[in-house]
Amino acid sequence: MSGKTAFIFPGQGSQYSGMGKEVYDAFSSAREVFAQADDALGFSLSNLCFRGSEEDLRLTRNTQPAILAVSVAILRALRERGFCPDFVAGHSLGEYSALVCAKSLELPDAVRLVRKRGQYMQEAVPIGKGAMAAVLGLEPALVAEACAEASTEGIVSPANLNSPDQTVIAGEAAAVRIASENARRKGAKRVIPLSVSAPFHCALMAPARDRLAKDLNELDFGDLSMPLVTNVDAVAISKGPGARDALIRQVCSPVRWMESVQYLTEAGVDTFIEIGPGKVLCGLVKKIAPQVLTFSVEGIRSIEALASTISNATM
């Protein structure tokens, strides 16, 4: 592994009772993360992560700080082992974890922000009015066409440009349904309605964006210790004000994950390390850039396996 490394952080795709407990028990730095998060939020996020019900964890106002705290706890454990990336990136919510990694955001500020972000997103659209669906096996340009043709029924647009054959769409429920039918007609292999609490990354999120912008503008964002490739522009930034602006625009804009990975590989990244619950991003990276190495780190075994692999590769 003679090239560069990127740490990548997952968004709101994997949450389960008990997540983070193994790393919490094994690393003092991870315990410090949960202590800071609990104190910042004024309730026991650690108890929610370790012993909370699946129903409570699925509430987006809980999901977002829980995933961020778990991701940062694992990050701190990796830092104890001496790991440091050349670049960072995060999928949607994961961009906040990436900014904590890059020392632009302090952890307490980040968990408070994403708690509010989840609340604002949930409250932006009444339950049942919005929807999301994953379109598989259809190129992104044709998915965009399917959405444009359905726009007479309401707001619908690409929300996550995840890989060459996976695009998630979001918007008003009727328009998402018509766009899904259009995508099938254009040759999509599958269209899967997603069980989500709100239609993220589309124009319906404007009220959430405006509320979150006020909170973001009250915080100082430091310059980044390593470049971040943003969701909204799929290019690297290193200045604090640019990071804040990207988070504001991200709320209503599509996550350009495929382009972000392509940017990173063109910048010389040949190793992607996913930090946090789940392995979704590693799967997407392999579809975009099959030549790169990927590692998913969410517990003790994966930390040990990564350390062993890196050690052997550098001997």
Protein backbone atom coordinates (compact mmCIF):
# COMPACT_ATOMS: atom_id res chain seq x y z
CA MET A 1 0.00 0.00 0.00
CA SER A 2 2.29 2.71 -1.28
CA GLY A 3 -0.47 5.15 -2.25
CA LYS A 4 -2.69 7.36 -0.13
CA THR A 5 -5.41 6.48 2.36
CA ALA A 6 -8.88 7.91 2.87
CA PHE A 7 -11.02 7.46 5.98
CA ILE A 8 -14.68 7.31 4.96
CA PHE A 9 -17.60 7.61 7.37
CA PRO A 10 -21.09 6.13 6.93
CA GLY A 11 -24.39 7.95 7.07
CA GLN A 12 -27.80 6.91 8.27
CA GLY A 13 -27.81 3.36 7.00
CA SER A 14 -26.74 1.11 9.87
CA GLN A 15 -27.95 1.35 13.44
CA TYR A 16 -28.51 -1.46 15.89
CA SER A 17 -28.68 -1.96 19.63
CA GLY A 18 -25.24 -2.65 21.05
CA MET A 19 -23.27 -0.79 18.38
CA GLY A 20 -20.01 0.59 19.68
CA LYS A 21 -20.06 -1.41 22.93
CA GLU A 22 -17.10 -3.62 22.04
CA VAL A 23 -14.85 -0.66 21.24
CA TYR A 24 -16.16 1.20 24.30
CA ASP A 25 -15.12 -1.69 26.55
CA ALA A 26 -11.68 -2.06 24.98
CA PHE A 27 -10.42 1.53 24.53
CA SER A 28 -10.32 4.38 27.02
CA SER A 29 -10.34 6.86 24.15
CA ALA A 30 -13.67 5.41 22.97
CA ARG A 31 -15.14 5.70 26.47
CA GLU A 32 -14.10 9.35 26.50
CA VAL A 33 -16.01 9.92 23.23
CA PHE A 34 -19.24 8.57 24.69
CA ALA A 35 -18.74 10.52 27.92
CA GLN A 36 -18.35 13.74 25.93
CA ALA A 37 -21.40 12.92 23.79
CA ASP A 38 -23.55 12.13 26.83
CA ASP A 39 -22.51 15.38 28.49
CA ALA A 40 -23.09 17.44 25.33
CA LEU A 41 -26.58 16.07 24.76
CA GLY A 42 -27.74 15.99 28.36
CA PHE A 43 -28.84 12.35 28.22
CA SER A 44 -27.14 8.96 27.96
CA LEU A 45 -26.48 8.44 24.27
CA SER A 46 -24.20 5.57 25.27
CA ASN A 47 -27.10 3.77 26.95
CA LEU A 48 -29.21 4.32 23.82
CA CYS A 49 -26.45 2.85 21.63
CA PHE A 50 -25.71 -0.12 23.86
CA ARG A 51 -29.14 -1.00 25.23
CA GLY A 52 -31.70 1.09 23.37
CA SER A 53 -34.59 -0.39 21.43
CA GLU A 54 -34.39 -0.69 17.66
CA GLU A 55 -37.47 1.55 17.47
CA ASP A 56 -35.76 4.34 19.41
CA LEU A 57 -32.55 4.00 17.41
CA ARG A 58 -34.47 4.36 14.13
CA LEU A 59 -35.70 7.83 15.11
CA THR A 60 -33.49 10.10 13.03
CA ARG A 61 -32.88 12.55 15.90
CA ASN A 62 -31.34 9.59 17.76
CA THR A 63 -29.81 7.77 14.80
CA GLN A 64 -27.65 10.68 13.71
CA PRO A 65 -25.80 11.39 16.99
CA ALA A 66 -25.56 7.65 17.71
CA ILE A 67 -23.82 6.83 14.43
CA LEU A 68 -21.55 9.87 14.75
CA ALA A 69 -20.50 8.91 18.29
CA VAL A 70 -19.83 5.29 17.32
CA SER A 71 -17.83 6.37 14.28
CA VAL A 72 -15.70 8.82 16.27
CA ALA A 73 -15.15 6.24 19.04
CA ILE A 74 -13.78 3.79 16.48
CA LEU A 75 -11.72 6.59 14.93
CA ARG A 76 -10.12 7.36 18.29
CA ALA A 77 -9.30 3.68 18.75
CA LEU A 78 -7.58 3.68 15.36
CA ARG A 79 -5.72 6.83 16.28
CA GLU A 80 -4.36 5.00 19.34
CA ARG A 81 -2.86 2.54 16.86
CA GLY A 82 -1.22 5.35 14.91
CA PHE A 83 -3.53 5.47 11.88
CA CYS A 84 -3.88 8.82 10.13
CA PRO A 85 -5.46 9.37 6.68
CA ASP A 86 -4.44 11.58 3.78
CA PHE A 87 -8.07 12.45 3.00
CA VAL A 88 -11.46 12.14 4.66
CA ALA A 89 -15.00 11.90 3.29
CA GLY A 90 -18.39 11.00 4.69
CA HIS A 91 -21.70 9.96 3.20
CA SER A 92 -24.36 12.52 4.20
CA LEU A 93 -24.32 12.44 8.03
CA GLY A 94 -20.83 10.92 7.79
CA GLU A 95 -19.47 14.28 6.66
CA TYR A 96 -19.80 15.49 10.27
CA SER A 97 -17.70 12.55 11.50
CA ALA A 98 -15.16 13.37 8.80
CA LEU A 99 -14.96 16.97 10.01
CA VAL A 100 -14.36 15.78 13.58
CA CYS A 101 -11.57 13.58 12.22
CA ALA A 102 -10.11 16.58 10.39
CA LYS A 103 -10.29 18.67 13.61
CA SER A 104 -12.57 21.27 12.04
CA LEU A 105 -15.46 20.46 14.41
CA GLU A 106 -15.25 19.58 18.09
CA LEU A 107 -17.08 16.40 19.06
CA PRO A 108 -19.55 18.05 21.49
CA ASP A 109 -20.56 20.59 18.83
CA ALA A 110 -20.90 17.85 16.23
CA VAL A 111 -23.22 15.63 18.27
CA ARG A 112 -25.42 18.58 19.19
CA LEU A 113 -25.57 19.65 15.56
CA VAL A 114 -26.55 16.25 14.20
CA ARG A 115 -29.17 15.79 16.92
CA LYS A 116 -30.77 19.04 15.72
CA ARG A 117 -30.21 18.08 12.08
CA GLY A 118 -32.16 14.88 12.61
CA GLN A 119 -34.96 16.73 14.37
CA TYR A 120 -35.16 19.41 11.69
CA MET A 121 -35.22 16.85 8.88
CA GLN A 122 -37.95 14.85 10.61
CA GLU A 123 -40.08 17.96 11.12
CA ALA A 124 -39.57 19.36 7.60
CA VAL A 125 -42.02 16.96 5.92
CA PRO A 126 -45.17 15.42 7.45
CA ILE A 127 -45.04 11.65 7.90
CA GLY A 128 -46.30 9.94 4.75
CA LYS A 129 -45.86 12.91 2.43
CA GLY A 130 -42.29 12.08 1.43
CA ALA A 131 -40.60 8.93 0.18
CA MET A 132 -37.28 7.54 -1.04
CA ALA A 133 -36.43 4.64 -3.32
CA ALA A 134 -33.21 2.95 -4.47
CA VAL A 135 -32.93 2.46 -8.23
CA LEU A 136 -30.60 -0.39 -9.14
CA GLY A 137 -29.09 -1.30 -12.49
CA LEU A 138 -29.82 1.98 -14.29
CA GLU A 139 -27.26 4.64 -15.15
CA PRO A 140 -27.60 7.90 -13.20
CA ALA A 141 -28.51 10.01 -16.26
CA LEU A 142 -31.53 7.81 -16.97
CA VAL A 143 -32.59 7.96 -13.32
CA ALA A 144 -32.47 11.76 -13.55
CA GLU A 145 -34.66 11.55 -16.68
CA ALA A 146 -37.15 9.35 -14.83
CA CYS A 147 -37.38 11.96 -12.08
CA ALA A 148 -37.73 14.87 -14.51
CA GLU A 149 -40.58 13.10 -16.28
CA ALA A 150 -42.35 12.57 -12.95
CA SER A 151 -41.98 16.16 -11.79
CA THR A 152 -45.50 17.03 -12.92
CA GLU A 153 -46.68 14.91 -9.97
CA GLY A 154 -44.55 16.80 -7.46
CA ILE A 155 -40.97 17.17 -6.24
CA VAL A 156 -38.67 14.22 -6.97
CA SER A 157 -34.93 14.13 -7.73
CA PRO A 158 -31.78 12.02 -7.32
CA ALA A 159 -30.71 12.16 -3.66
CA ASN A 160 -27.73 9.78 -3.43
CA LEU A 161 -25.54 9.20 -6.50
CA ASN A 162 -23.98 6.15 -4.91
CA SER A 163 -22.39 4.12 -7.73
CA PRO A 164 -22.70 3.54 -11.47
CA ASP A 165 -25.69 1.25 -10.91
CA GLN A 166 -27.24 2.62 -7.70
CA THR A 167 -29.06 5.93 -7.35
CA VAL A 168 -31.45 6.80 -4.55
CA ILE A 169 -34.31 9.18 -5.36
CA ALA A 170 -36.32 11.32 -2.94
CA GLY A 171 -39.32 13.61 -2.95
CA GLU A 172 -43.07 13.66 -2.58
CA ALA A 173 -44.52 10.16 -2.30
CA ALA A 174 -46.68 10.31 -5.45
CA ALA A 175 -43.83 11.69 -7.56
CA VAL A 176 -41.38 9.08 -6.23
CA ARG A 177 -43.85 6.35 -7.15
CA ILE A 178 -44.19 7.65 -10.74
CA ALA A 179 -40.42 8.14 -11.07
CA SER A 180 -39.93 4.56 -9.88
CA GLU A 181 -42.30 3.31 -12.58
CA ASN A 182 -40.46 5.41 -15.14
CA ALA A 183 -37.13 3.94 -14.02
CA ARG A 184 -38.44 0.38 -14.41
CA ARG A 185 -39.64 1.22 -17.90
CA LYS A 186 -36.19 2.60 -18.76
CA GLY A 187 -34.54 -0.67 -17.77
CA ALA A 188 -33.86 -0.56 -14.02
CA LYS A 189 -33.23 -4.05 -12.67
CA ARG A 190 -34.93 -3.25 -9.37
CA VAL A 191 -36.52 -0.29 -7.61
CA ILE A 192 -36.71 -0.68 -3.85
CA PRO A 193 -38.84 1.65 -1.70
CA LEU A 194 -36.83 2.62 1.38
CA SER A 195 -38.13 2.67 4.94
CA VAL A 196 -37.05 6.16 5.95
CA SER A 197 -38.45 8.79 8.27
CA ALA A 198 -38.10 11.65 5.77
CA PRO A 199 -37.13 12.31 2.11
CA PHE A 200 -33.52 13.38 2.59
CA HIS A 201 -31.37 15.42 0.18
CA CYS A 202 -34.14 16.97 -1.90
CA ALA A 203 -35.92 20.33 -2.12
CA LEU A 204 -38.46 19.29 0.53
CA MET A 205 -35.67 19.63 3.08
CA ALA A 206 -35.46 23.44 2.62
CA PRO A 207 -37.04 24.18 6.04
CA ALA A 208 -34.48 21.90 7.69
CA ARG A 209 -31.63 23.55 5.76
CA ASP A 210 -32.68 27.02 6.87
CA ARG A 211 -32.98 26.02 10.54
CA LEU A 212 -29.68 24.16 10.51
CA ALA A 213 -27.91 27.06 8.78
CA LYS A 214 -28.61 29.27 11.81
CA ASP A 215 -26.97 26.74 14.13
CA LEU A 216 -24.02 26.19 11.80
CA ASN A 217 -23.41 29.92 11.42
CA GLU A 218 -23.14 30.30 15.20
CA LEU A 219 -20.12 27.97 15.30
CA ASP A 220 -16.51 28.55 14.37
CA PHE A 221 -15.22 25.90 11.97
CA GLY A 222 -11.47 25.46 12.11
CA ASP A 223 -9.33 24.83 9.06
CA LEU A 224 -9.00 21.12 8.34
CA SER A 225 -5.93 19.06 9.31
CA MET A 226 -6.40 16.99 6.13
CA PRO A 227 -8.55 17.61 3.02
CA LEU A 228 -12.24 16.68 3.01
CA VAL A 229 -14.00 15.71 -0.21
CA THR A 230 -17.49 17.16 0.15
CA ASN A 231 -20.76 15.51 -0.79
CA VAL A 232 -22.15 18.57 -2.47
CA ASP A 233 -19.26 19.41 -4.81
CA ALA A 234 -17.17 16.20 -4.87
CA VAL A 235 -13.93 18.18 -4.54
CA ALA A 236 -11.44 18.58 -1.70
CA ILE A 237 -11.61 21.53 0.69
CA SER A 238 -9.38 22.51 3.60
CA LYS A 239 -10.88 25.73 4.99
CA GLY A 240 -13.41 25.94 7.82
CA PRO A 241 -15.87 28.35 6.19
CA GLY A 242 -16.03 26.09 3.13
CA ALA A 243 -16.85 23.12 5.36
CA ARG A 244 -19.73 25.02 6.97
CA ASP A 245 -21.09 26.10 3.58
CA ALA A 246 -20.93 22.52 2.29
CA LEU A 247 -22.93 21.24 5.27
CA ILE A 248 -25.63 23.84 4.67
CA ARG A 249 -25.94 23.11 0.96
CA GLN A 250 -25.76 19.36 1.56
CA VAL A 251 -29.22 19.22 3.17
CA CYS A 252 -31.14 19.82 -0.07
CA SER A 253 -28.51 18.58 -2.52
CA PRO A 254 -27.66 15.08 -3.75
CA VAL A 255 -24.81 13.15 -2.17
CA ARG A 256 -22.30 12.84 -5.02
CA TRP A 257 -20.60 9.77 -3.62
CA MET A 258 -19.54 8.19 -6.91
CA GLU A 259 -17.82 11.38 -8.03
CA SER A 260 -16.23 11.79 -4.59
CA VAL A 261 -14.64 8.34 -4.79
CA GLN A 262 -13.48 9.03 -8.34
CA TYR A 263 -11.91 12.30 -7.18
CA LEU A 264 -10.07 10.48 -4.40
CA THR A 265 -8.70 7.75 -6.66
CA GLU A 266 -7.52 10.37 -9.14
CA ALA A 267 -5.74 12.08 -6.21
CA GLY A 268 -3.79 8.87 -5.57
CA VAL A 269 -5.93 7.17 -2.91
CA ASP A 270 -5.65 3.40 -3.19
CA THR A 271 -6.90 2.41 0.28
CA PHE A 272 -10.33 3.28 1.69
CA ILE A 273 -11.05 2.59 5.37
CA GLU A 274 -14.72 2.76 6.36
CA ILE A 275 -15.07 3.75 10.02
CA GLY A 276 -18.40 3.15 11.74
CA PRO A 277 -21.30 0.71 11.81
CA GLY A 278 -21.89 -1.31 8.64
CA LYS A 279 -20.01 -2.02 5.43
CA VAL A 280 -22.17 -0.17 2.90
CA LEU A 281 -19.55 2.32 1.76
CA CYS A 282 -16.91 -0.34 1.11
CA GLY A 283 -19.36 -2.09 -1.20
CA LEU A 284 -20.05 1.12 -3.09
CA VAL A 285 -16.36 1.99 -3.38
CA LYS A 286 -15.62 -1.43 -4.90
CA LYS A 287 -18.30 -0.84 -7.55
CA ILE A 288 -16.81 2.55 -8.40
CA ALA A 289 -13.11 1.67 -8.19
CA PRO A 290 -12.62 -2.11 -8.12
CA GLN A 291 -8.82 -1.76 -8.15
CA VAL A 292 -8.58 -0.19 -4.66
CA LEU A 293 -8.24 -1.82 -1.25
CA THR A 294 -11.14 -1.42 1.18
CA PHE A 295 -11.39 -2.12 4.90
CA SER A 296 -14.48 -1.88 7.10
CA VAL A 297 -13.71 -1.11 10.75
CA GLU A 298 -16.49 -1.43 13.32
CA GLY A 299 -15.07 -3.58 16.12
CA ILE A 300 -12.00 -5.09 17.77
CA ARG A 301 -11.47 -7.84 15.20
CA SER A 302 -11.54 -5.44 12.28
CA ILE A 303 -9.16 -3.05 14.05
CA GLU A 304 -6.73 -5.91 14.67
CA ALA A 305 -7.11 -7.20 11.10
CA LEU A 306 -6.40 -3.75 9.67
CA ALA A 307 -3.36 -3.27 11.90
CA SER A 308 -2.01 -6.68 10.87
CA THR A 309 -2.57 -6.04 7.17
CA ILE A 310 -0.89 -2.62 7.27
CA SER A 311 2.02 -4.02 9.27
CA ASN A 312 2.58 -6.88 6.84
CA ALA A 313 2.34 -4.57 3.83
CA THR A 314 5.03 -2.24 5.19
CA MET A 315 7.51 -4.93 6.26
